mmCIF file of all heavy atoms, coordinates in Angstrom:
data_MODEL
# 
_entry.id   MODEL 
# 
loop_
_atom_site.group_PDB 
_atom_site.id 
_atom_site.type_symbol 
_atom_site.label_atom_id 
_atom_site.label_alt_id 
_atom_site.label_comp_id 
_atom_site.label_asym_id 
_atom_site.label_entity_id 
_atom_site.label_seq_id 
_atom_site.pdbx_PDB_ins_code 
_atom_site.Cartn_x 
_atom_site.Cartn_y 
_atom_site.Cartn_z 
_atom_site.occupancy 
_atom_site.B_iso_or_equiv 
_atom_site.pdbx_formal_charge 
_atom_site.auth_seq_id 
_atom_site.auth_comp_id 
_atom_site.auth_asym_id 
_atom_site.auth_atom_id 
_atom_site.pdbx_PDB_model_num 
ATOM 1   N N   . ASP A 1 1  ? 91.670  102.907 84.029 1.00 0.00 ? 1  ASP A N   1 
ATOM 2   C CA  . ASP A 1 1  ? 93.066  102.480 83.925 1.00 0.00 ? 1  ASP A CA  1 
ATOM 3   C C   . ASP A 1 1  ? 93.146  101.058 83.377 1.00 0.00 ? 1  ASP A C   1 
ATOM 4   O O   . ASP A 1 1  ? 92.687  100.114 84.028 1.00 0.00 ? 1  ASP A O   1 
ATOM 5   C CB  . ASP A 1 1  ? 93.717  102.540 85.303 1.00 0.00 ? 1  ASP A CB  1 
ATOM 6   C CG  . ASP A 1 1  ? 95.212  102.190 85.279 1.00 0.00 ? 1  ASP A CG  1 
ATOM 7   O OD1 . ASP A 1 1  ? 95.725  101.809 84.210 1.00 0.00 ? 1  ASP A OD1 1 
ATOM 8   O OD2 . ASP A 1 1  ? 95.855  102.306 86.346 1.00 0.00 ? 1  ASP A OD2 1 
ATOM 9   N N   . PRO A 1 2  ? 93.742  100.854 82.190 1.00 0.00 ? 2  PRO A N   1 
ATOM 10  C CA  . PRO A 1 2  ? 93.785  99.521  81.587 1.00 0.00 ? 2  PRO A CA  1 
ATOM 11  C C   . PRO A 1 2  ? 94.732  98.551  82.279 1.00 0.00 ? 2  PRO A C   1 
ATOM 12  O O   . PRO A 1 2  ? 94.730  97.356  81.949 1.00 0.00 ? 2  PRO A O   1 
ATOM 13  C CB  . PRO A 1 2  ? 94.250  99.808  80.157 1.00 0.00 ? 2  PRO A CB  1 
ATOM 14  C CG  . PRO A 1 2  ? 95.034  101.068 80.257 1.00 0.00 ? 2  PRO A CG  1 
ATOM 15  C CD  . PRO A 1 2  ? 94.356  101.876 81.324 1.00 0.00 ? 2  PRO A CD  1 
ATOM 16  N N   . LYS A 1 3  ? 95.504  99.037  83.220 1.00 0.00 ? 3  LYS A N   1 
ATOM 17  C CA  . LYS A 1 3  ? 96.436  98.160  83.930 1.00 0.00 ? 3  LYS A CA  1 
ATOM 18  C C   . LYS A 1 3  ? 95.917  97.745  85.305 1.00 0.00 ? 3  LYS A C   1 
ATOM 19  O O   . LYS A 1 3  ? 96.595  96.988  86.013 1.00 0.00 ? 3  LYS A O   1 
ATOM 20  C CB  . LYS A 1 3  ? 97.792  98.861  84.088 1.00 0.00 ? 3  LYS A CB  1 
ATOM 21  C CG  . LYS A 1 3  ? 98.476  99.181  82.763 1.00 0.00 ? 3  LYS A CG  1 
ATOM 22  C CD  . LYS A 1 3  ? 99.809  99.875  82.981 1.00 0.00 ? 3  LYS A CD  1 
ATOM 23  C CE  . LYS A 1 3  ? 100.478 100.195 81.646 1.00 0.00 ? 3  LYS A CE  1 
ATOM 24  N NZ  . LYS A 1 3  ? 101.788 100.879 81.840 1.00 0.00 ? 3  LYS A NZ  1 
ATOM 25  N N   . ASP A 1 4  ? 94.737  98.228  85.665 1.00 0.00 ? 4  ASP A N   1 
ATOM 26  C CA  . ASP A 1 4  ? 94.199  97.988  87.002 1.00 0.00 ? 4  ASP A CA  1 
ATOM 27  C C   . ASP A 1 4  ? 92.952  97.111  86.920 1.00 0.00 ? 4  ASP A C   1 
ATOM 28  O O   . ASP A 1 4  ? 91.858  97.602  86.647 1.00 0.00 ? 4  ASP A O   1 
ATOM 29  C CB  . ASP A 1 4  ? 93.855  99.325  87.664 1.00 0.00 ? 4  ASP A CB  1 
ATOM 30  C CG  . ASP A 1 4  ? 93.429  99.179  89.119 1.00 0.00 ? 4  ASP A CG  1 
ATOM 31  O OD1 . ASP A 1 4  ? 93.102  98.059  89.544 1.00 0.00 ? 4  ASP A OD1 1 
ATOM 32  O OD2 . ASP A 1 4  ? 93.422  100.203 89.834 1.00 0.00 ? 4  ASP A OD2 1 
ATOM 33  N N   . PRO A 1 5  ? 93.097  95.793  87.169 1.00 0.00 ? 5  PRO A N   1 
ATOM 34  C CA  . PRO A 1 5  ? 91.927  94.910  87.067 1.00 0.00 ? 5  PRO A CA  1 
ATOM 35  C C   . PRO A 1 5  ? 90.843  95.273  88.068 1.00 0.00 ? 5  PRO A C   1 
ATOM 36  O O   . PRO A 1 5  ? 89.646  95.122  87.777 1.00 0.00 ? 5  PRO A O   1 
ATOM 37  C CB  . PRO A 1 5  ? 92.499  93.514  87.328 1.00 0.00 ? 5  PRO A CB  1 
ATOM 38  C CG  . PRO A 1 5  ? 93.796  93.738  88.035 1.00 0.00 ? 5  PRO A CG  1 
ATOM 39  C CD  . PRO A 1 5  ? 94.320  95.039  87.517 1.00 0.00 ? 5  PRO A CD  1 
ATOM 40  N N   . GLY A 1 6  ? 91.234  95.753  89.249 1.00 0.00 ? 6  GLY A N   1 
ATOM 41  C CA  . GLY A 1 6  ? 90.245  96.143  90.245 1.00 0.00 ? 6  GLY A CA  1 
ATOM 42  C C   . GLY A 1 6  ? 89.396  97.308  89.777 1.00 0.00 ? 6  GLY A C   1 
ATOM 43  O O   . GLY A 1 6  ? 88.172  97.318  89.976 1.00 0.00 ? 6  GLY A O   1 
ATOM 44  N N   . ALA A 1 7  ? 90.029  98.291  89.129 1.00 0.00 ? 7  ALA A N   1 
ATOM 45  C CA  . ALA A 1 7  ? 89.293  99.450  88.634 1.00 0.00 ? 7  ALA A CA  1 
ATOM 46  C C   . ALA A 1 7  ? 88.346  99.046  87.505 1.00 0.00 ? 7  ALA A C   1 
ATOM 47  O O   . ALA A 1 7  ? 87.215  99.542  87.417 1.00 0.00 ? 7  ALA A O   1 
ATOM 48  C CB  . ALA A 1 7  ? 90.267  100.519 88.144 1.00 0.00 ? 7  ALA A CB  1 
ATOM 49  N N   . MET A 1 8  ? 88.799  98.140  86.641 1.00 0.00 ? 8  MET A N   1 
ATOM 50  C CA  . MET A 1 8  ? 87.926  97.680  85.553 1.00 0.00 ? 8  MET A CA  1 
ATOM 51  C C   . MET A 1 8  ? 86.744  96.888  86.092 1.00 0.00 ? 8  MET A C   1 
ATOM 52  O O   . MET A 1 8  ? 85.600  97.056  85.643 1.00 0.00 ? 8  MET A O   1 
ATOM 53  C CB  . MET A 1 8  ? 88.741  96.863  84.544 1.00 0.00 ? 8  MET A CB  1 
ATOM 54  C CG  . MET A 1 8  ? 89.651  97.726  83.677 1.00 0.00 ? 8  MET A CG  1 
ATOM 55  S SD  . MET A 1 8  ? 90.581  96.806  82.426 1.00 0.00 ? 8  MET A SD  1 
ATOM 56  C CE  . MET A 1 8  ? 91.980  96.248  83.405 1.00 0.00 ? 8  MET A CE  1 
ATOM 57  N N   . ALA A 1 9  ? 87.001  96.010  87.059 1.00 0.00 ? 9  ALA A N   1 
ATOM 58  C CA  . ALA A 1 9  ? 85.911  95.240  87.652 1.00 0.00 ? 9  ALA A CA  1 
ATOM 59  C C   . ALA A 1 9  ? 84.924  96.158  88.364 1.00 0.00 ? 9  ALA A C   1 
ATOM 60  O O   . ALA A 1 9  ? 83.703  95.951  88.298 1.00 0.00 ? 9  ALA A O   1 
ATOM 61  C CB  . ALA A 1 9  ? 86.475  94.210  88.626 1.00 0.00 ? 9  ALA A CB  1 
ATOM 62  N N   . ALA A 1 10 ? 85.445  97.185  89.027 1.00 0.00 ? 10 ALA A N   1 
ATOM 63  C CA  . ALA A 1 10 ? 84.571  98.136  89.721 1.00 0.00 ? 10 ALA A CA  1 
ATOM 64  C C   . ALA A 1 10 ? 83.697  98.893  88.727 1.00 0.00 ? 10 ALA A C   1 
ATOM 65  O O   . ALA A 1 10 ? 82.511  99.151  88.996 1.00 0.00 ? 10 ALA A O   1 
ATOM 66  C CB  . ALA A 1 10 ? 85.410  99.123  90.542 1.00 0.00 ? 10 ALA A CB  1 
ATOM 67  N N   . TYR A 1 11 ? 84.262  99.255  87.565 1.00 0.00 ? 11 TYR A N   1 
ATOM 68  C CA  . TYR A 1 11 ? 83.455  99.939  86.549 1.00 0.00 ? 11 TYR A CA  1 
ATOM 69  C C   . TYR A 1 11 ? 82.327  99.028  86.081 1.00 0.00 ? 11 TYR A C   1 
ATOM 70  O O   . TYR A 1 11 ? 81.176  99.465  85.937 1.00 0.00 ? 11 TYR A O   1 
ATOM 71  C CB  . TYR A 1 11 ? 84.321  100.342 85.360 1.00 0.00 ? 11 TYR A CB  1 
ATOM 72  C CG  . TYR A 1 11 ? 83.529  101.083 84.306 1.00 0.00 ? 11 TYR A CG  1 
ATOM 73  C CD1 . TYR A 1 11 ? 83.317  102.454 84.403 1.00 0.00 ? 11 TYR A CD1 1 
ATOM 74  C CD2 . TYR A 1 11 ? 82.949  100.404 83.239 1.00 0.00 ? 11 TYR A CD2 1 
ATOM 75  C CE1 . TYR A 1 11 ? 82.550  103.134 83.466 1.00 0.00 ? 11 TYR A CE1 1 
ATOM 76  C CE2 . TYR A 1 11 ? 82.190  101.069 82.292 1.00 0.00 ? 11 TYR A CE2 1 
ATOM 77  C CZ  . TYR A 1 11 ? 81.989  102.434 82.405 1.00 0.00 ? 11 TYR A CZ  1 
ATOM 78  O OH  . TYR A 1 11 ? 81.222  103.097 81.484 1.00 0.00 ? 11 TYR A OH  1 
ATOM 79  N N   . GLN A 1 12 ? 82.653  97.758  85.843 1.00 0.00 ? 12 GLN A N   1 
ATOM 80  C CA  . GLN A 1 12 ? 81.623  96.819  85.394 1.00 0.00 ? 12 GLN A CA  1 
ATOM 81  C C   . GLN A 1 12 ? 80.515  96.671  86.435 1.00 0.00 ? 12 GLN A C   1 
ATOM 82  O O   . GLN A 1 12 ? 79.326  96.635  86.088 1.00 0.00 ? 12 GLN A O   1 
ATOM 83  C CB  . GLN A 1 12 ? 82.254  95.451  85.098 1.00 0.00 ? 12 GLN A CB  1 
ATOM 84  C CG  . GLN A 1 12 ? 83.163  95.448  83.894 1.00 0.00 ? 12 GLN A CG  1 
ATOM 85  C CD  . GLN A 1 12 ? 83.950  94.169  83.753 1.00 0.00 ? 12 GLN A CD  1 
ATOM 86  O OE1 . GLN A 1 12 ? 84.969  94.132  83.095 1.00 0.00 ? 12 GLN A OE1 1 
ATOM 87  N NE2 . GLN A 1 12 ? 83.498  93.095  84.398 1.00 0.00 ? 12 GLN A NE2 1 
ATOM 88  N N   . ARG A 1 13 ? 80.893  96.589  87.705 1.00 0.00 ? 13 ARG A N   1 
ATOM 89  C CA  . ARG A 1 13 ? 79.877  96.426  88.761 1.00 0.00 ? 13 ARG A CA  1 
ATOM 90  C C   . ARG A 1 13 ? 79.041  97.693  88.945 1.00 0.00 ? 13 ARG A C   1 
ATOM 91  O O   . ARG A 1 13 ? 77.862  97.614  89.301 1.00 0.00 ? 13 ARG A O   1 
ATOM 92  C CB  . ARG A 1 13 ? 80.548  96.061  90.088 1.00 0.00 ? 13 ARG A CB  1 
ATOM 93  C CG  . ARG A 1 13 ? 81.131  94.654  90.126 1.00 0.00 ? 13 ARG A CG  1 
ATOM 94  C CD  . ARG A 1 13 ? 81.525  94.269  91.555 1.00 0.00 ? 13 ARG A CD  1 
ATOM 95  N NE  . ARG A 1 13 ? 82.545  95.146  92.105 1.00 0.00 ? 13 ARG A NE  1 
ATOM 96  C CZ  . ARG A 1 13 ? 83.860  94.914  92.006 1.00 0.00 ? 13 ARG A CZ  1 
ATOM 97  N NH1 . ARG A 1 13 ? 84.291  93.837  91.347 1.00 0.00 ? 13 ARG A NH1 1 
ATOM 98  N NH2 . ARG A 1 13 ? 84.727  95.751  92.530 1.00 0.00 ? 13 ARG A NH2 1 
ATOM 99  N N   . GLY A 1 14 ? 79.649  98.833  88.684 1.00 0.00 ? 14 GLY A N   1 
ATOM 100 C CA  . GLY A 1 14 ? 78.960  100.096 88.945 1.00 0.00 ? 14 GLY A CA  1 
ATOM 101 C C   . GLY A 1 14 ? 78.217  100.672 87.758 1.00 0.00 ? 14 GLY A C   1 
ATOM 102 O O   . GLY A 1 14 ? 77.550  101.704 87.897 1.00 0.00 ? 14 GLY A O   1 
ATOM 103 N N   . HIS A 1 15 ? 78.335  100.052 86.600 1.00 0.00 ? 15 HIS A N   1 
ATOM 104 C CA  . HIS A 1 15 ? 77.683  100.577 85.394 1.00 0.00 ? 15 HIS A CA  1 
ATOM 105 C C   . HIS A 1 15 ? 76.978  99.452  84.644 1.00 0.00 ? 15 HIS A C   1 
ATOM 106 O O   . HIS A 1 15 ? 77.515  98.345  84.519 1.00 0.00 ? 15 HIS A O   1 
ATOM 107 C CB  . HIS A 1 15 ? 78.709  101.245 84.468 1.00 0.00 ? 15 HIS A CB  1 
ATOM 108 C CG  . HIS A 1 15 ? 79.398  102.416 85.090 1.00 0.00 ? 15 HIS A CG  1 
ATOM 109 N ND1 . HIS A 1 15 ? 80.438  102.275 85.991 1.00 0.00 ? 15 HIS A ND1 1 
ATOM 110 C CD2 . HIS A 1 15 ? 79.189  103.761 84.958 1.00 0.00 ? 15 HIS A CD2 1 
ATOM 111 C CE1 . HIS A 1 15 ? 80.845  103.469 86.368 1.00 0.00 ? 15 HIS A CE1 1 
ATOM 112 N NE2 . HIS A 1 15 ? 80.113  104.384 85.768 1.00 0.00 ? 15 HIS A NE2 1 
ATOM 113 N N   . ASP A 1 16 ? 75.809  99.743  84.146 1.00 0.00 ? 16 ASP A N   1 
ATOM 114 C CA  . ASP A 1 16 ? 75.027  98.758  83.403 1.00 0.00 ? 16 ASP A CA  1 
ATOM 115 C C   . ASP A 1 16 ? 74.970  99.123  81.929 1.00 0.00 ? 16 ASP A C   1 
ATOM 116 O O   . ASP A 1 16 ? 75.046  100.300 81.560 1.00 0.00 ? 16 ASP A O   1 
ATOM 117 C CB  . ASP A 1 16 ? 73.597  98.678  83.949 1.00 0.00 ? 16 ASP A CB  1 
ATOM 118 C CG  . ASP A 1 16 ? 73.542  98.181  85.386 1.00 0.00 ? 16 ASP A CG  1 
ATOM 119 O OD1 . ASP A 1 16 ? 74.378  97.323  85.733 1.00 0.00 ? 16 ASP A OD1 1 
ATOM 120 O OD2 . ASP A 1 16 ? 72.680  98.667  86.145 1.00 0.00 ? 16 ASP A OD2 1 
ATOM 121 N N   . ILE A 1 17 ? 74.822  98.103  81.102 1.00 0.00 ? 17 ILE A N   1 
ATOM 122 C CA  . ILE A 1 17 ? 74.490  98.313  79.696 1.00 0.00 ? 17 ILE A CA  1 
ATOM 123 C C   . ILE A 1 17 ? 72.977  98.248  79.606 1.00 0.00 ? 17 ILE A C   1 
ATOM 124 O O   . ILE A 1 17 ? 72.372  97.208  79.918 1.00 0.00 ? 17 ILE A O   1 
ATOM 125 C CB  . ILE A 1 17 ? 75.133  97.238  78.802 1.00 0.00 ? 17 ILE A CB  1 
ATOM 126 C CG1 . ILE A 1 17 ? 76.657  97.213  78.979 1.00 0.00 ? 17 ILE A CG1 1 
ATOM 127 C CG2 . ILE A 1 17 ? 74.767  97.486  77.330 1.00 0.00 ? 17 ILE A CG2 1 
ATOM 128 C CD1 . ILE A 1 17 ? 77.341  96.034  78.293 1.00 0.00 ? 17 ILE A CD1 1 
ATOM 129 N N   . GLU A 1 18 ? 72.362  99.322  79.210 1.00 0.00 ? 18 GLU A N   1 
ATOM 130 C CA  . GLU A 1 18 ? 70.903  99.407  79.214 1.00 0.00 ? 18 GLU A CA  1 
ATOM 131 C C   . GLU A 1 18 ? 70.258  98.231  78.485 1.00 0.00 ? 18 GLU A C   1 
ATOM 132 O O   . GLU A 1 18 ? 69.229  97.701  78.927 1.00 0.00 ? 18 GLU A O   1 
ATOM 133 C CB  . GLU A 1 18 ? 70.473  100.726 78.562 1.00 0.00 ? 18 GLU A CB  1 
ATOM 134 C CG  . GLU A 1 18 ? 68.967  100.919 78.505 1.00 0.00 ? 18 GLU A CG  1 
ATOM 135 C CD  . GLU A 1 18 ? 68.582  102.168 77.723 1.00 0.00 ? 18 GLU A CD  1 
ATOM 136 O OE1 . GLU A 1 18 ? 69.497  102.909 77.297 1.00 0.00 ? 18 GLU A OE1 1 
ATOM 137 O OE2 . GLU A 1 18 ? 67.381  102.382 77.515 1.00 0.00 ? 18 GLU A OE2 1 
ATOM 138 N N   . GLY A 1 19 ? 70.864  97.813  77.386 1.00 0.00 ? 19 GLY A N   1 
ATOM 139 C CA  . GLY A 1 19 ? 70.233  96.789  76.556 1.00 0.00 ? 19 GLY A CA  1 
ATOM 140 C C   . GLY A 1 19 ? 70.636  95.364  76.849 1.00 0.00 ? 19 GLY A C   1 
ATOM 141 O O   . GLY A 1 19 ? 70.286  94.457  76.081 1.00 0.00 ? 19 GLY A O   1 
ATOM 142 N N   . VAL A 1 20 ? 71.363  95.114  77.943 1.00 0.00 ? 20 VAL A N   1 
ATOM 143 C CA  . VAL A 1 20 ? 71.750  93.750  78.311 1.00 0.00 ? 20 VAL A CA  1 
ATOM 144 C C   . VAL A 1 20 ? 71.443  93.553  79.786 1.00 0.00 ? 20 VAL A C   1 
ATOM 145 O O   . VAL A 1 20 ? 72.091  94.153  80.649 1.00 0.00 ? 20 VAL A O   1 
ATOM 146 C CB  . VAL A 1 20 ? 73.256  93.482  78.056 1.00 0.00 ? 20 VAL A CB  1 
ATOM 147 C CG1 . VAL A 1 20 ? 73.591  92.030  78.354 1.00 0.00 ? 20 VAL A CG1 1 
ATOM 148 C CG2 . VAL A 1 20 ? 73.634  93.829  76.619 1.00 0.00 ? 20 VAL A CG2 1 
ATOM 149 N N   . ARG A 1 21 ? 70.447  92.692  80.082 1.00 0.00 ? 21 ARG A N   1 
ATOM 150 C CA  . ARG A 1 21 ? 70.004  92.559  81.468 1.00 0.00 ? 21 ARG A CA  1 
ATOM 151 C C   . ARG A 1 21 ? 69.733  91.094  81.800 1.00 0.00 ? 21 ARG A C   1 
ATOM 152 O O   . ARG A 1 21 ? 69.184  90.351  80.969 1.00 0.00 ? 21 ARG A O   1 
ATOM 153 C CB  . ARG A 1 21 ? 68.742  93.387  81.693 1.00 0.00 ? 21 ARG A CB  1 
ATOM 154 C CG  . ARG A 1 21 ? 68.215  93.378  83.119 1.00 0.00 ? 21 ARG A CG  1 
ATOM 155 C CD  . ARG A 1 21 ? 67.092  94.385  83.279 1.00 0.00 ? 21 ARG A CD  1 
ATOM 156 N NE  . ARG A 1 21 ? 65.921  94.030  82.493 1.00 0.00 ? 21 ARG A NE  1 
ATOM 157 C CZ  . ARG A 1 21 ? 64.926  93.253  82.954 1.00 0.00 ? 21 ARG A CZ  1 
ATOM 158 N NH1 . ARG A 1 21 ? 64.977  92.762  84.187 1.00 0.00 ? 21 ARG A NH1 1 
ATOM 159 N NH2 . ARG A 1 21 ? 63.884  92.990  82.191 1.00 0.00 ? 21 ARG A NH2 1 
ATOM 160 N N   . ALA A 1 22 ? 70.139  90.698  82.999 1.00 0.00 ? 22 ALA A N   1 
ATOM 161 C CA  . ALA A 1 22 ? 69.787  89.371  83.509 1.00 0.00 ? 22 ALA A CA  1 
ATOM 162 C C   . ALA A 1 22 ? 68.485  89.507  84.293 1.00 0.00 ? 22 ALA A C   1 
ATOM 163 O O   . ALA A 1 22 ? 68.464  90.110  85.376 1.00 0.00 ? 22 ALA A O   1 
ATOM 164 C CB  . ALA A 1 22 ? 70.901  88.828  84.392 1.00 0.00 ? 22 ALA A CB  1 
ATOM 165 N N   . LYS A 1 23 ? 67.406  88.965  83.760 1.00 0.00 ? 23 LYS A N   1 
ATOM 166 C CA  . LYS A 1 23 ? 66.113  89.027  84.447 1.00 0.00 ? 23 LYS A CA  1 
ATOM 167 C C   . LYS A 1 23 ? 66.129  88.141  85.682 1.00 0.00 ? 23 LYS A C   1 
ATOM 168 O O   . LYS A 1 23 ? 65.553  88.465  86.717 1.00 0.00 ? 23 LYS A O   1 
ATOM 169 C CB  . LYS A 1 23 ? 65.016  88.604  83.481 1.00 0.00 ? 23 LYS A CB  1 
ATOM 170 C CG  . LYS A 1 23 ? 63.612  88.720  84.023 1.00 0.00 ? 23 LYS A CG  1 
ATOM 171 C CD  . LYS A 1 23 ? 62.599  88.351  82.955 1.00 0.00 ? 23 LYS A CD  1 
ATOM 172 C CE  . LYS A 1 23 ? 61.172  88.460  83.470 1.00 0.00 ? 23 LYS A CE  1 
ATOM 173 N NZ  . LYS A 1 23 ? 60.184  88.060  82.419 1.00 0.00 ? 23 LYS A NZ  1 
ATOM 174 N N   . ASP A 1 24 ? 66.782  86.998  85.565 1.00 0.00 ? 24 ASP A N   1 
ATOM 175 C CA  . ASP A 1 24 ? 67.038  86.094  86.678 1.00 0.00 ? 24 ASP A CA  1 
ATOM 176 C C   . ASP A 1 24 ? 68.237  85.247  86.276 1.00 0.00 ? 24 ASP A C   1 
ATOM 177 O O   . ASP A 1 24 ? 68.872  85.508  85.252 1.00 0.00 ? 24 ASP A O   1 
ATOM 178 C CB  . ASP A 1 24 ? 65.813  85.239  87.027 1.00 0.00 ? 24 ASP A CB  1 
ATOM 179 C CG  . ASP A 1 24 ? 65.254  84.469  85.830 1.00 0.00 ? 24 ASP A CG  1 
ATOM 180 O OD1 . ASP A 1 24 ? 66.068  83.839  85.101 1.00 0.00 ? 24 ASP A OD1 1 
ATOM 181 O OD2 . ASP A 1 24 ? 64.033  84.479  85.614 1.00 0.00 ? 24 ASP A OD2 1 
ATOM 182 N N   . ASP A 1 25 ? 68.570  84.238  87.061 1.00 0.00 ? 25 ASP A N   1 
ATOM 183 C CA  . ASP A 1 25 ? 69.771  83.451  86.782 1.00 0.00 ? 25 ASP A CA  1 
ATOM 184 C C   . ASP A 1 25 ? 69.742  82.761  85.429 1.00 0.00 ? 25 ASP A C   1 
ATOM 185 O O   . ASP A 1 25 ? 70.801  82.473  84.858 1.00 0.00 ? 25 ASP A O   1 
ATOM 186 C CB  . ASP A 1 25 ? 69.972  82.400  87.876 1.00 0.00 ? 25 ASP A CB  1 
ATOM 187 C CG  . ASP A 1 25 ? 70.574  82.984  89.146 1.00 0.00 ? 25 ASP A CG  1 
ATOM 188 O OD1 . ASP A 1 25 ? 70.951  84.175  89.119 1.00 0.00 ? 25 ASP A OD1 1 
ATOM 189 O OD2 . ASP A 1 25 ? 70.665  82.260  90.152 1.00 0.00 ? 25 ASP A OD2 1 
ATOM 190 N N   . ARG A 1 26 ? 68.556  82.511  84.895 1.00 0.00 ? 26 ARG A N   1 
ATOM 191 C CA  . ARG A 1 26 ? 68.472  81.741  83.650 1.00 0.00 ? 26 ARG A CA  1 
ATOM 192 C C   . ARG A 1 26 ? 67.803  82.509  82.520 1.00 0.00 ? 26 ARG A C   1 
ATOM 193 O O   . ARG A 1 26 ? 67.496  81.922  81.479 1.00 0.00 ? 26 ARG A O   1 
ATOM 194 C CB  . ARG A 1 26 ? 67.722  80.421  83.889 1.00 0.00 ? 26 ARG A CB  1 
ATOM 195 C CG  . ARG A 1 26 ? 68.494  79.415  84.755 1.00 0.00 ? 26 ARG A CG  1 
ATOM 196 C CD  . ARG A 1 26 ? 67.791  78.083  84.816 1.00 0.00 ? 26 ARG A CD  1 
ATOM 197 N NE  . ARG A 1 26 ? 67.505  77.563  83.478 1.00 0.00 ? 26 ARG A NE  1 
ATOM 198 C CZ  . ARG A 1 26 ? 66.471  76.767  83.199 1.00 0.00 ? 26 ARG A CZ  1 
ATOM 199 N NH1 . ARG A 1 26 ? 65.617  76.421  84.146 1.00 0.00 ? 26 ARG A NH1 1 
ATOM 200 N NH2 . ARG A 1 26 ? 66.283  76.321  81.980 1.00 0.00 ? 26 ARG A NH2 1 
# 
C-alpha cells in the first residue's frame, strides 16, 4: 500500500536485496 508508511517500512525490514548487504556498520 503506497499510502501506508508502516506497511512500506515493514516490507523493507522483512525483505532483503540479495546484492546489497551491510557486512558491519562500516
